[in-house]
N, C-alpha and C. Protein backbone atom coordinates (compact mmCIF):
# COMPACT_ATOMS: atom_id res chain seq x y z
N UNK A 1 0.84 -1.20 0.00
CA UNK A 1 0.00 0.00 0.00
C UNK A 1 0.88 1.25 0.00
N UNK A 2 0.61 2.15 -0.92
CA UNK A 2 1.32 3.43 -0.98
C UNK A 2 0.39 4.52 -0.45
N UNK A 3 0.86 5.24 0.56
CA UNK A 3 0.08 6.33 1.15
C UNK A 3 0.80 7.64 0.86
N UNK A 4 0.12 8.55 0.19
CA UNK A 4 0.68 9.86 -0.16
C UNK A 4 0.03 10.93 0.72
N UNK A 5 0.87 11.71 1.39
CA UNK A 5 0.36 12.77 2.26
C UNK A 5 0.99 14.10 1.85
N UNK A 6 0.16 15.00 1.37
CA UNK A 6 0.64 16.32 0.98
C UNK A 6 0.00 17.38 1.86
N UNK A 7 0.62 18.55 1.87
CA UNK A 7 0.03 19.64 2.64
C UNK A 7 1.03 20.72 2.96
N UNK A 8 0.58 21.68 3.73
CA UNK A 8 1.37 22.85 4.06
C UNK A 8 2.28 22.60 5.26
N UNK A 9 3.25 23.48 5.42
CA UNK A 9 4.19 23.39 6.54
C UNK A 9 3.46 23.57 7.87
N UNK A 10 3.80 22.70 8.84
CA UNK A 10 3.27 22.75 10.20
C UNK A 10 1.76 22.47 10.27
N UNK A 11 1.26 21.76 9.27
CA UNK A 11 -0.16 21.38 9.27
C UNK A 11 -0.39 20.07 10.01
N UNK A 12 0.69 19.33 10.23
CA UNK A 12 0.58 18.04 10.91
C UNK A 12 0.77 16.85 9.99
N UNK A 13 1.16 17.09 8.74
CA UNK A 13 1.28 15.98 7.80
C UNK A 13 2.41 15.03 8.17
N UNK A 14 3.49 15.57 8.71
CA UNK A 14 4.62 14.72 9.10
C UNK A 14 4.26 13.81 10.26
N UNK A 15 3.54 14.35 11.23
CA UNK A 15 3.09 13.56 12.38
C UNK A 15 2.15 12.46 11.92
N UNK A 16 1.22 12.81 11.03
CA UNK A 16 0.29 11.82 10.48
C UNK A 16 1.04 10.72 9.74
N UNK A 17 2.02 11.13 8.93
CA UNK A 17 2.79 10.16 8.14
C UNK A 17 3.50 9.16 9.05
N UNK A 18 4.12 9.65 10.11
CA UNK A 18 4.84 8.76 11.04
C UNK A 18 3.88 7.80 11.73
N UNK A 19 2.72 8.31 12.14
CA UNK A 19 1.74 7.47 12.83
C UNK A 19 1.17 6.39 11.90
N UNK A 20 0.89 6.76 10.65
CA UNK A 20 0.36 5.78 9.70
C UNK A 20 1.43 4.74 9.35
N UNK A 21 2.66 5.18 9.21
CA UNK A 21 3.76 4.25 8.91
C UNK A 21 3.92 3.23 10.04
N UNK A 22 3.82 3.71 11.29
CA UNK A 22 3.93 2.82 12.44
C UNK A 22 2.74 1.86 12.50
N UNK A 23 1.55 2.39 12.24
CA UNK A 23 0.32 1.58 12.32
C UNK A 23 0.35 0.44 11.31
N UNK A 24 0.77 0.75 10.08
CA UNK A 24 0.77 -0.27 9.02
C UNK A 24 2.12 -0.95 8.82
N UNK A 25 3.09 -0.60 9.69
CA UNK A 25 4.44 -1.15 9.60
C UNK A 25 5.04 -0.93 8.20
N UNK A 26 4.95 0.31 7.74
CA UNK A 26 5.48 0.69 6.44
C UNK A 26 6.65 1.66 6.60
N UNK A 27 7.62 1.63 5.68
CA UNK A 27 8.69 2.62 5.72
C UNK A 27 8.14 4.00 5.40
N UNK A 28 8.77 5.03 5.96
CA UNK A 28 8.29 6.41 5.79
C UNK A 28 9.39 7.30 5.24
N UNK A 29 9.04 8.13 4.28
CA UNK A 29 9.99 9.13 3.77
C UNK A 29 9.39 10.53 3.90
N UNK A 30 10.12 11.39 4.60
CA UNK A 30 9.78 12.82 4.66
C UNK A 30 10.50 13.46 3.48
N UNK A 31 9.79 13.63 2.36
CA UNK A 31 10.47 14.12 1.15
C UNK A 31 10.95 15.56 1.31
N UNK A 32 10.31 16.30 2.23
CA UNK A 32 10.77 17.66 2.48
C UNK A 32 12.20 17.70 2.97
N UNK A 33 12.62 16.63 3.68
CA UNK A 33 13.99 16.57 4.19
C UNK A 33 15.00 16.54 3.05
N UNK A 34 14.61 15.96 1.92
CA UNK A 34 15.51 15.92 0.76
C UNK A 34 15.78 17.33 0.25
N UNK A 35 14.71 18.13 0.19
CA UNK A 35 14.86 19.50 -0.30
C UNK A 35 15.55 20.38 0.75
N UNK A 36 15.27 20.12 2.02
CA UNK A 36 15.95 20.87 3.08
C UNK A 36 17.45 20.59 3.04
N UNK A 37 17.79 19.31 2.88
CA UNK A 37 19.21 18.93 2.84
C UNK A 37 19.90 19.53 1.61
N UNK A 38 19.19 19.55 0.49
CA UNK A 38 19.75 20.16 -0.72
C UNK A 38 20.01 21.65 -0.49
N UNK A 39 19.03 22.32 0.13
CA UNK A 39 19.20 23.75 0.43
C UNK A 39 20.34 24.01 1.40
N UNK A 40 20.42 23.19 2.45
CA UNK A 40 21.49 23.34 3.45
C UNK A 40 22.85 23.08 2.80
N UNK A 41 22.92 22.04 1.96
CA UNK A 41 24.17 21.71 1.28
C UNK A 41 24.62 22.86 0.37
N UNK A 42 23.64 23.46 -0.31
CA UNK A 42 23.97 24.59 -1.18
C UNK A 42 24.48 25.78 -0.37
N UNK A 43 23.84 26.03 0.78
CA UNK A 43 24.29 27.13 1.64
C UNK A 43 25.69 26.85 2.19
N UNK A 44 25.93 25.60 2.59
CA UNK A 44 27.26 25.23 3.10
C UNK A 44 28.34 25.46 2.04
N UNK A 45 27.97 25.15 0.78
CA UNK A 45 28.93 25.27 -0.32
C UNK A 45 28.95 26.68 -0.92
N UNK A 46 28.18 27.60 -0.29
CA UNK A 46 28.10 28.99 -0.78
C UNK A 46 27.59 29.06 -2.21
N UNK A 47 26.68 28.16 -2.55
CA UNK A 47 26.08 28.12 -3.88
C UNK A 47 24.80 28.97 -3.87
N UNK A 48 24.62 29.76 -4.90
CA UNK A 48 23.40 30.57 -5.03
C UNK A 48 22.20 29.63 -5.12
N UNK A 49 21.17 29.86 -4.30
CA UNK A 49 20.00 28.99 -4.28
C UNK A 49 19.17 29.10 -5.56
N UNK A 50 19.52 30.03 -6.42
CA UNK A 50 18.82 30.16 -7.70
C UNK A 50 19.62 29.54 -8.84
N UNK A 51 20.82 29.01 -8.54
CA UNK A 51 21.67 28.38 -9.56
C UNK A 51 21.18 26.95 -9.80
N UNK A 52 20.35 26.79 -10.80
CA UNK A 52 19.69 25.50 -11.02
C UNK A 52 20.65 24.35 -11.27
N UNK A 53 21.65 24.56 -12.11
CA UNK A 53 22.60 23.49 -12.45
C UNK A 53 23.38 23.04 -11.21
N UNK A 54 23.88 24.02 -10.46
CA UNK A 54 24.69 23.69 -9.28
C UNK A 54 23.85 23.00 -8.20
N UNK A 55 22.64 23.49 -7.99
CA UNK A 55 21.76 22.88 -6.97
C UNK A 55 21.31 21.49 -7.38
N UNK A 56 21.06 21.29 -8.69
CA UNK A 56 20.68 19.97 -9.18
C UNK A 56 21.83 18.98 -9.02
N UNK A 57 23.03 19.46 -9.21
CA UNK A 57 24.21 18.60 -9.04
C UNK A 57 24.33 18.15 -7.59
N UNK A 58 24.08 19.10 -6.68
CA UNK A 58 24.09 18.78 -5.24
C UNK A 58 23.01 17.75 -4.91
N UNK A 59 21.81 17.95 -5.46
CA UNK A 59 20.69 17.04 -5.20
C UNK A 59 20.97 15.64 -5.70
N UNK A 60 21.65 15.53 -6.85
CA UNK A 60 21.91 14.22 -7.46
C UNK A 60 22.92 13.41 -6.65
N UNK A 61 23.71 14.09 -5.81
CA UNK A 61 24.74 13.39 -5.01
C UNK A 61 24.41 13.43 -3.52
N UNK A 62 23.17 13.72 -3.20
CA UNK A 62 22.77 13.95 -1.81
C UNK A 62 22.96 12.73 -0.92
N UNK A 63 23.59 12.95 0.23
CA UNK A 63 23.72 11.93 1.28
C UNK A 63 22.98 12.48 2.50
N UNK A 64 21.72 12.08 2.65
CA UNK A 64 20.85 12.66 3.68
C UNK A 64 21.41 12.47 5.09
N UNK A 65 22.12 11.36 5.33
CA UNK A 65 22.63 11.05 6.67
C UNK A 65 23.67 12.05 7.17
N UNK A 66 24.22 12.83 6.26
CA UNK A 66 25.26 13.81 6.63
C UNK A 66 24.67 15.01 7.37
N UNK A 67 23.36 15.22 7.22
CA UNK A 67 22.74 16.43 7.75
C UNK A 67 21.91 16.14 9.00
N UNK A 68 22.32 16.65 10.15
CA UNK A 68 21.56 16.42 11.38
C UNK A 68 20.15 16.99 11.26
N UNK A 69 19.20 16.29 11.85
CA UNK A 69 17.80 16.71 11.78
C UNK A 69 17.62 18.13 12.31
N UNK A 70 18.35 18.46 13.38
CA UNK A 70 18.22 19.80 13.98
C UNK A 70 18.59 20.89 12.98
N UNK A 71 19.57 20.62 12.14
CA UNK A 71 19.98 21.59 11.13
C UNK A 71 18.94 21.71 10.02
N UNK A 72 18.26 20.60 9.72
CA UNK A 72 17.27 20.60 8.65
C UNK A 72 15.95 21.23 9.08
N UNK A 73 15.73 21.34 10.40
CA UNK A 73 14.45 21.83 10.91
C UNK A 73 14.46 23.33 11.18
N UNK A 74 15.53 24.03 10.88
CA UNK A 74 15.57 25.47 11.14
C UNK A 74 14.71 26.22 10.12
N UNK A 75 14.32 27.44 10.48
CA UNK A 75 13.53 28.27 9.57
C UNK A 75 14.33 28.57 8.31
N UNK A 76 15.66 28.77 8.47
CA UNK A 76 16.52 29.07 7.33
C UNK A 76 16.56 27.90 6.35
N UNK A 77 16.63 26.68 6.88
CA UNK A 77 16.63 25.49 6.02
C UNK A 77 15.31 25.35 5.28
N UNK A 78 14.22 25.70 5.96
CA UNK A 78 12.90 25.63 5.34
C UNK A 78 12.77 26.59 4.18
N UNK A 79 13.28 27.80 4.37
CA UNK A 79 13.22 28.80 3.28
C UNK A 79 14.10 28.37 2.11
N UNK A 80 15.27 27.81 2.42
CA UNK A 80 16.18 27.34 1.37
C UNK A 80 15.53 26.19 0.59
N UNK A 81 14.86 25.31 1.34
CA UNK A 81 14.19 24.17 0.70
C UNK A 81 13.14 24.65 -0.30
N UNK A 82 12.36 25.64 0.09
CA UNK A 82 11.31 26.16 -0.77
C UNK A 82 11.89 26.77 -2.05
N UNK A 83 13.06 27.39 -1.92
CA UNK A 83 13.70 28.01 -3.09
C UNK A 83 14.26 26.97 -4.06
N UNK A 84 14.99 25.97 -3.54
CA UNK A 84 15.56 24.97 -4.44
C UNK A 84 14.47 24.05 -5.00
N UNK A 85 13.36 23.89 -4.25
CA UNK A 85 12.27 23.04 -4.72
C UNK A 85 11.56 23.62 -5.93
N UNK A 86 11.75 24.91 -6.17
CA UNK A 86 11.13 25.56 -7.32
C UNK A 86 11.95 25.34 -8.60
N UNK A 87 13.12 24.72 -8.47
CA UNK A 87 14.01 24.50 -9.62
C UNK A 87 13.70 23.14 -10.25
N UNK A 88 13.22 23.11 -11.50
CA UNK A 88 12.82 21.85 -12.14
C UNK A 88 13.91 20.77 -12.14
N UNK A 89 15.16 21.15 -12.35
CA UNK A 89 16.22 20.13 -12.41
C UNK A 89 16.52 19.53 -11.04
N UNK A 90 16.29 20.31 -9.99
CA UNK A 90 16.45 19.77 -8.64
C UNK A 90 15.34 18.74 -8.38
N UNK A 91 14.13 19.08 -8.76
CA UNK A 91 13.00 18.17 -8.55
C UNK A 91 13.22 16.87 -9.33
N UNK A 92 13.73 16.99 -10.54
CA UNK A 92 13.98 15.80 -11.36
C UNK A 92 15.06 14.93 -10.72
N UNK A 93 16.09 15.58 -10.18
CA UNK A 93 17.19 14.84 -9.55
C UNK A 93 16.71 14.02 -8.36
N UNK A 94 15.70 14.54 -7.64
CA UNK A 94 15.19 13.85 -6.45
C UNK A 94 13.98 12.96 -6.74
N UNK A 95 13.42 13.08 -7.94
CA UNK A 95 12.21 12.33 -8.29
C UNK A 95 12.43 10.82 -8.24
N UNK A 96 13.49 10.35 -8.89
CA UNK A 96 13.74 8.91 -8.98
C UNK A 96 13.94 8.29 -7.60
N UNK A 97 14.61 9.01 -6.72
CA UNK A 97 14.84 8.54 -5.35
C UNK A 97 13.52 8.33 -4.63
N UNK A 98 12.61 9.29 -4.78
CA UNK A 98 11.30 9.19 -4.14
C UNK A 98 10.46 8.06 -4.75
N UNK A 99 10.52 7.92 -6.07
CA UNK A 99 9.75 6.87 -6.75
C UNK A 99 10.21 5.48 -6.33
N UNK A 100 11.52 5.29 -6.29
CA UNK A 100 12.03 3.96 -5.94
C UNK A 100 11.68 3.61 -4.51
N UNK A 101 11.67 4.61 -3.63
CA UNK A 101 11.28 4.38 -2.24
C UNK A 101 9.81 3.97 -2.17
N UNK A 102 8.97 4.67 -2.92
CA UNK A 102 7.53 4.39 -2.90
C UNK A 102 7.21 3.01 -3.47
N UNK A 103 7.98 2.59 -4.46
CA UNK A 103 7.68 1.36 -5.19
C UNK A 103 8.30 0.11 -4.58
N UNK A 104 8.92 0.23 -3.42
CA UNK A 104 9.51 -0.96 -2.80
C UNK A 104 8.42 -1.95 -2.42
N UNK A 105 8.80 -3.20 -2.26
CA UNK A 105 7.84 -4.26 -1.93
C UNK A 105 7.07 -3.90 -0.66
N UNK A 106 5.75 -4.02 -0.72
CA UNK A 106 4.92 -3.74 0.44
C UNK A 106 4.40 -2.32 0.50
N UNK A 107 5.08 -1.41 -0.22
CA UNK A 107 4.64 -0.02 -0.24
C UNK A 107 5.36 0.86 0.75
N UNK A 108 4.85 2.07 0.95
CA UNK A 108 5.50 3.05 1.81
C UNK A 108 4.57 4.22 2.07
N UNK A 109 4.96 5.04 3.02
CA UNK A 109 4.25 6.29 3.31
C UNK A 109 5.21 7.42 2.97
N UNK A 110 4.76 8.36 2.14
CA UNK A 110 5.58 9.52 1.79
C UNK A 110 4.79 10.78 2.07
N UNK A 111 5.45 11.78 2.67
CA UNK A 111 4.79 13.07 2.84
C UNK A 111 5.61 14.17 2.20
N UNK A 112 4.90 15.16 1.66
CA UNK A 112 5.57 16.25 0.98
C UNK A 112 4.59 17.27 0.44
N UNK A 113 4.89 17.75 -0.77
CA UNK A 113 4.05 18.78 -1.39
C UNK A 113 3.39 18.28 -2.68
N UNK A 114 4.01 17.27 -3.32
CA UNK A 114 3.53 16.84 -4.64
C UNK A 114 3.52 15.31 -4.77
N UNK A 115 3.36 14.62 -3.64
CA UNK A 115 3.41 13.15 -3.69
C UNK A 115 2.21 12.58 -4.44
N UNK A 116 1.00 13.01 -4.06
CA UNK A 116 -0.20 12.49 -4.69
C UNK A 116 -0.45 12.99 -6.10
N UNK A 117 0.19 14.11 -6.46
CA UNK A 117 -0.05 14.69 -7.78
C UNK A 117 1.04 14.35 -8.79
N UNK A 118 2.29 14.24 -8.34
CA UNK A 118 3.41 14.06 -9.27
C UNK A 118 4.23 12.80 -8.99
N UNK A 119 4.68 12.63 -7.76
CA UNK A 119 5.57 11.51 -7.44
C UNK A 119 4.84 10.18 -7.50
N UNK A 120 3.67 10.10 -6.87
CA UNK A 120 2.90 8.85 -6.84
C UNK A 120 1.42 9.10 -7.14
N UNK A 121 1.11 9.50 -8.37
CA UNK A 121 -0.30 9.76 -8.69
C UNK A 121 -1.17 8.51 -8.58
N UNK A 122 -0.52 7.34 -8.58
CA UNK A 122 -1.27 6.08 -8.49
C UNK A 122 -1.37 5.57 -7.05
N UNK A 123 -0.98 6.38 -6.07
CA UNK A 123 -1.01 5.97 -4.66
C UNK A 123 -2.39 5.41 -4.29
N UNK A 124 -2.39 4.40 -3.42
CA UNK A 124 -3.64 3.77 -3.00
C UNK A 124 -4.49 4.71 -2.16
N UNK A 125 -3.82 5.53 -1.33
CA UNK A 125 -4.52 6.47 -0.45
C UNK A 125 -3.80 7.82 -0.53
N UNK A 126 -4.59 8.89 -0.64
CA UNK A 126 -4.00 10.24 -0.70
C UNK A 126 -4.67 11.15 0.33
N UNK A 127 -3.84 11.93 0.99
CA UNK A 127 -4.35 12.90 1.96
C UNK A 127 -3.82 14.29 1.61
N UNK A 128 -4.65 15.29 1.89
CA UNK A 128 -4.21 16.69 1.84
C UNK A 128 -4.44 17.26 3.23
N UNK A 129 -3.37 17.70 3.88
CA UNK A 129 -3.44 18.18 5.25
C UNK A 129 -3.13 19.67 5.29
N UNK A 130 -4.01 20.43 5.94
CA UNK A 130 -3.82 21.88 6.02
C UNK A 130 -4.39 22.38 7.35
N UNK A 131 -4.09 23.62 7.68
CA UNK A 131 -4.63 24.28 8.87
C UNK A 131 -4.51 25.78 8.66
N UNK A 132 -5.25 26.54 9.45
CA UNK A 132 -5.19 28.00 9.36
C UNK A 132 -3.75 28.46 9.58
N UNK A 133 -3.33 29.47 8.83
CA UNK A 133 -1.94 29.91 8.89
C UNK A 133 -1.53 30.37 10.28
N UNK A 134 -2.45 30.98 11.02
CA UNK A 134 -2.12 31.43 12.38
C UNK A 134 -1.83 30.25 13.30
N UNK A 135 -2.59 29.17 13.14
CA UNK A 135 -2.37 27.97 13.95
C UNK A 135 -1.07 27.28 13.55
N UNK A 136 -0.80 27.26 12.25
CA UNK A 136 0.47 26.66 11.80
C UNK A 136 1.65 27.46 12.32
N UNK A 137 1.51 28.78 12.33
CA UNK A 137 2.59 29.64 12.85
C UNK A 137 2.81 29.38 14.33
N UNK A 138 1.73 29.21 15.07
CA UNK A 138 1.85 28.94 16.51
C UNK A 138 2.61 27.64 16.75
N UNK A 139 2.26 26.61 15.99
CA UNK A 139 2.93 25.32 16.14
C UNK A 139 4.41 25.41 15.79
N UNK A 140 4.69 26.09 14.70
CA UNK A 140 6.09 26.20 14.24
C UNK A 140 6.91 27.03 15.22
N UNK A 141 6.32 28.08 15.78
CA UNK A 141 7.02 28.91 16.77
C UNK A 141 7.39 28.08 18.00
N UNK A 142 6.47 27.24 18.45
CA UNK A 142 6.74 26.37 19.60
C UNK A 142 7.88 25.41 19.30
N UNK A 143 7.85 24.87 18.09
CA UNK A 143 8.88 23.92 17.66
C UNK A 143 10.26 24.58 17.64
N UNK A 144 10.32 25.78 17.08
CA UNK A 144 11.60 26.49 16.99
C UNK A 144 12.07 26.97 18.36
N UNK A 145 11.12 27.34 19.21
CA UNK A 145 11.46 27.78 20.56
C UNK A 145 12.13 26.64 21.34
N UNK A 146 11.57 25.43 21.20
CA UNK A 146 12.14 24.26 21.86
C UNK A 146 13.54 23.96 21.33
N UNK A 147 13.76 24.31 20.06
CA UNK A 147 15.07 24.07 19.45
C UNK A 147 16.05 25.20 19.74
N UNK A 148 15.60 26.18 20.53
CA UNK A 148 16.48 27.29 20.87
C UNK A 148 16.64 28.32 19.78
N UNK A 149 15.68 28.35 18.84
CA UNK A 149 15.73 29.31 17.73
C UNK A 149 14.39 30.04 17.64
N UNK A 150 14.07 30.84 18.67
CA UNK A 150 12.76 31.49 18.71
C UNK A 150 12.55 32.50 17.59
N UNK A 151 11.28 32.63 17.19
CA UNK A 151 10.90 33.60 16.17
C UNK A 151 9.51 34.11 16.57
N UNK A 152 9.20 35.36 16.25
CA UNK A 152 7.90 35.91 16.65
C UNK A 152 6.78 35.31 15.80
N UNK A 153 5.58 35.27 16.38
CA UNK A 153 4.41 34.75 15.68
C UNK A 153 4.16 35.56 14.41
N UNK A 154 4.31 36.87 14.52
CA UNK A 154 4.07 37.75 13.36
C UNK A 154 5.03 37.43 12.22
N UNK A 155 6.31 37.25 12.55
CA UNK A 155 7.31 36.94 11.52
C UNK A 155 7.04 35.57 10.91
N UNK A 156 6.60 34.63 11.74
CA UNK A 156 6.34 33.28 11.24
C UNK A 156 5.14 33.26 10.30
N UNK A 157 4.08 34.01 10.63
CA UNK A 157 2.91 34.08 9.74
C UNK A 157 3.35 34.61 8.38
N UNK A 158 4.16 35.67 8.40
CA UNK A 158 4.65 36.28 7.15
C UNK A 158 5.48 35.27 6.35
N UNK A 159 6.35 34.54 7.06
CA UNK A 159 7.22 33.55 6.43
C UNK A 159 6.40 32.42 5.80
N UNK A 160 5.39 31.95 6.54
CA UNK A 160 4.55 30.86 6.04
C UNK A 160 3.75 31.29 4.81
N UNK A 161 3.22 32.50 4.83
CA UNK A 161 2.46 33.00 3.69
C UNK A 161 3.35 33.10 2.44
N UNK A 162 4.58 33.59 2.65
CA UNK A 162 5.52 33.70 1.53
C UNK A 162 5.85 32.32 0.97
N UNK A 163 6.08 31.37 1.88
CA UNK A 163 6.44 30.03 1.44
C UNK A 163 5.27 29.34 0.74
N UNK A 164 4.06 29.49 1.30
CA UNK A 164 2.88 28.90 0.67
C UNK A 164 2.73 29.41 -0.76
N UNK A 165 2.88 30.72 -0.92
CA UNK A 165 2.72 31.32 -2.24
C UNK A 165 3.78 30.80 -3.21
N UNK A 166 5.03 30.70 -2.73
CA UNK A 166 6.11 30.22 -3.60
C UNK A 166 5.86 28.76 -3.99
N UNK A 167 5.43 27.94 -3.02
CA UNK A 167 5.20 26.52 -3.30
C UNK A 167 4.01 26.29 -4.22
N UNK A 168 2.98 27.13 -4.08
CA UNK A 168 1.77 26.97 -4.91
C UNK A 168 1.96 27.51 -6.33
N UNK A 169 2.82 28.51 -6.47
CA UNK A 169 2.92 29.18 -7.77
C UNK A 169 4.11 28.72 -8.62
N UNK A 170 4.94 27.82 -8.08
CA UNK A 170 6.10 27.39 -8.87
C UNK A 170 5.63 26.62 -10.10
N UNK A 171 6.40 26.71 -11.18
CA UNK A 171 6.03 26.06 -12.43
C UNK A 171 6.18 24.54 -12.34
N UNK A 172 7.19 24.09 -11.61
CA UNK A 172 7.46 22.65 -11.49
C UNK A 172 6.74 22.07 -10.28
N UNK A 173 5.82 21.15 -10.54
CA UNK A 173 5.10 20.43 -9.48
C UNK A 173 4.60 21.34 -8.36
N UNK A 174 3.69 22.26 -8.67
CA UNK A 174 3.18 23.15 -7.63
C UNK A 174 2.46 22.39 -6.52
N UNK A 175 2.53 22.95 -5.32
CA UNK A 175 1.84 22.33 -4.18
C UNK A 175 0.33 22.48 -4.35
N UNK A 176 -0.36 21.36 -4.36
CA UNK A 176 -1.82 21.39 -4.44
C UNK A 176 -2.37 20.03 -4.04
N UNK A 177 -3.63 20.01 -3.68
CA UNK A 177 -4.27 18.75 -3.31
C UNK A 177 -4.58 17.94 -4.56
N UNK A 178 -4.35 16.64 -4.50
CA UNK A 178 -4.76 15.76 -5.60
C UNK A 178 -6.29 15.76 -5.64
N UNK A 179 -6.85 15.58 -6.82
CA UNK A 179 -8.31 15.61 -6.97
C UNK A 179 -8.99 14.55 -6.11
N UNK A 180 -8.30 13.43 -5.90
CA UNK A 180 -8.91 12.33 -5.13
C UNK A 180 -8.34 12.22 -3.71
N UNK A 181 -7.76 13.32 -3.21
CA UNK A 181 -7.21 13.30 -1.85
C UNK A 181 -8.30 13.54 -0.81
N UNK A 182 -8.16 12.89 0.33
CA UNK A 182 -9.05 13.11 1.46
C UNK A 182 -8.49 14.32 2.23
N UNK A 183 -9.28 15.36 2.37
CA UNK A 183 -8.82 16.61 2.98
C UNK A 183 -9.00 16.59 4.49
N UNK A 184 -7.93 16.93 5.20
CA UNK A 184 -7.96 17.01 6.66
C UNK A 184 -7.56 18.43 7.07
N UNK A 185 -8.49 19.16 7.64
CA UNK A 185 -8.19 20.48 8.20
C UNK A 185 -7.92 20.27 9.68
N UNK A 186 -6.66 20.42 10.07
CA UNK A 186 -6.25 20.08 11.44
C UNK A 186 -6.24 21.27 12.40
N UNK A 187 -6.82 22.39 11.97
CA UNK A 187 -6.76 23.62 12.78
C UNK A 187 -7.17 23.39 14.23
N UNK A 188 -8.26 22.69 14.44
CA UNK A 188 -8.75 22.47 15.81
C UNK A 188 -8.73 20.99 16.18
N UNK A 189 -7.93 20.21 15.46
CA UNK A 189 -7.85 18.77 15.73
C UNK A 189 -6.58 18.42 16.51
N UNK A 190 -6.69 17.43 17.39
CA UNK A 190 -5.51 16.91 18.07
C UNK A 190 -4.87 15.86 17.16
N UNK A 191 -3.58 15.53 17.36
CA UNK A 191 -2.95 14.48 16.56
C UNK A 191 -3.73 13.16 16.60
N UNK A 192 -4.29 12.82 17.77
CA UNK A 192 -5.06 11.58 17.89
C UNK A 192 -6.33 11.63 17.03
N UNK A 193 -6.96 12.80 16.99
CA UNK A 193 -8.17 12.95 16.17
C UNK A 193 -7.83 12.85 14.68
N UNK A 194 -6.67 13.38 14.32
CA UNK A 194 -6.23 13.34 12.91
C UNK A 194 -5.98 11.90 12.48
N UNK A 195 -5.23 11.13 13.27
CA UNK A 195 -4.93 9.75 12.90
C UNK A 195 -6.21 8.91 12.88
N UNK A 196 -7.15 9.18 13.78
CA UNK A 196 -8.42 8.45 13.82
C UNK A 196 -9.20 8.69 12.53
N UNK A 197 -9.27 9.96 12.10
CA UNK A 197 -9.99 10.29 10.87
C UNK A 197 -9.32 9.65 9.65
N UNK A 198 -7.99 9.64 9.65
CA UNK A 198 -7.24 9.07 8.54
C UNK A 198 -7.47 7.56 8.45
N UNK A 199 -7.42 6.90 9.59
CA UNK A 199 -7.62 5.44 9.61
C UNK A 199 -9.05 5.07 9.20
N UNK A 200 -10.01 5.88 9.60
CA UNK A 200 -11.40 5.64 9.21
C UNK A 200 -11.56 5.76 7.69
N UNK A 201 -10.86 6.75 7.11
CA UNK A 201 -10.92 6.93 5.66
C UNK A 201 -10.30 5.73 4.95
N UNK A 202 -9.13 5.29 5.42
CA UNK A 202 -8.46 4.14 4.80
C UNK A 202 -9.33 2.90 4.91
N UNK A 203 -9.96 2.74 6.07
CA UNK A 203 -10.85 1.59 6.29
C UNK A 203 -12.04 1.63 5.33
N UNK A 204 -12.58 2.82 5.11
CA UNK A 204 -13.73 2.96 4.20
C UNK A 204 -13.34 2.63 2.76
N UNK A 205 -12.10 2.98 2.38
CA UNK A 205 -11.61 2.67 1.02
C UNK A 205 -11.44 1.16 0.86
N UNK A 206 -10.90 0.53 1.91
CA UNK A 206 -10.67 -0.92 1.87
C UNK A 206 -11.99 -1.66 1.75
N UNK A 207 -13.00 -1.12 2.44
CA UNK A 207 -14.32 -1.77 2.41
C UNK A 207 -14.94 -1.69 1.03
């Protein structure tokens, strides 16, 4: 079974993906980490984030294990990820890696921005996860505060709106819900309520 989970930053899609992967004993890929690592690698190498050829070269040789999760979860890494993700050659360089992961025996759970629309349009189950931008900003601020990198709610709302717009308007694989995705608005939902709704949907499809 292939489960595709797309949605906005801090909407809860990563938490849902991990819970579903554990429930069904499936491998999980956070595809956003690939773009974050590409962005971080480009910044480390002092490469312009708009240099498509150089960033694609970095993506094609990416060793995800080299980048600590704490470094990939910073606001700066997130902004860099959004910029390199808009480059078609970077997306192509990472496409095959995501496809091969999804197509392994038994299936997998992948979360990102274009899994159900581009990477795995044939996925057995598709979700689109979103929440009000103010709630997403609150969650992200708490996350960054715990990591010792505080940011104001106002700045985070602005950052999220900019990123949403960039991700939705890019020419290559824009962020959007698949036509057959089950939509989850997590604004006032707890993680337990989200996983319950997701499992009920999967159960209804199986039936």
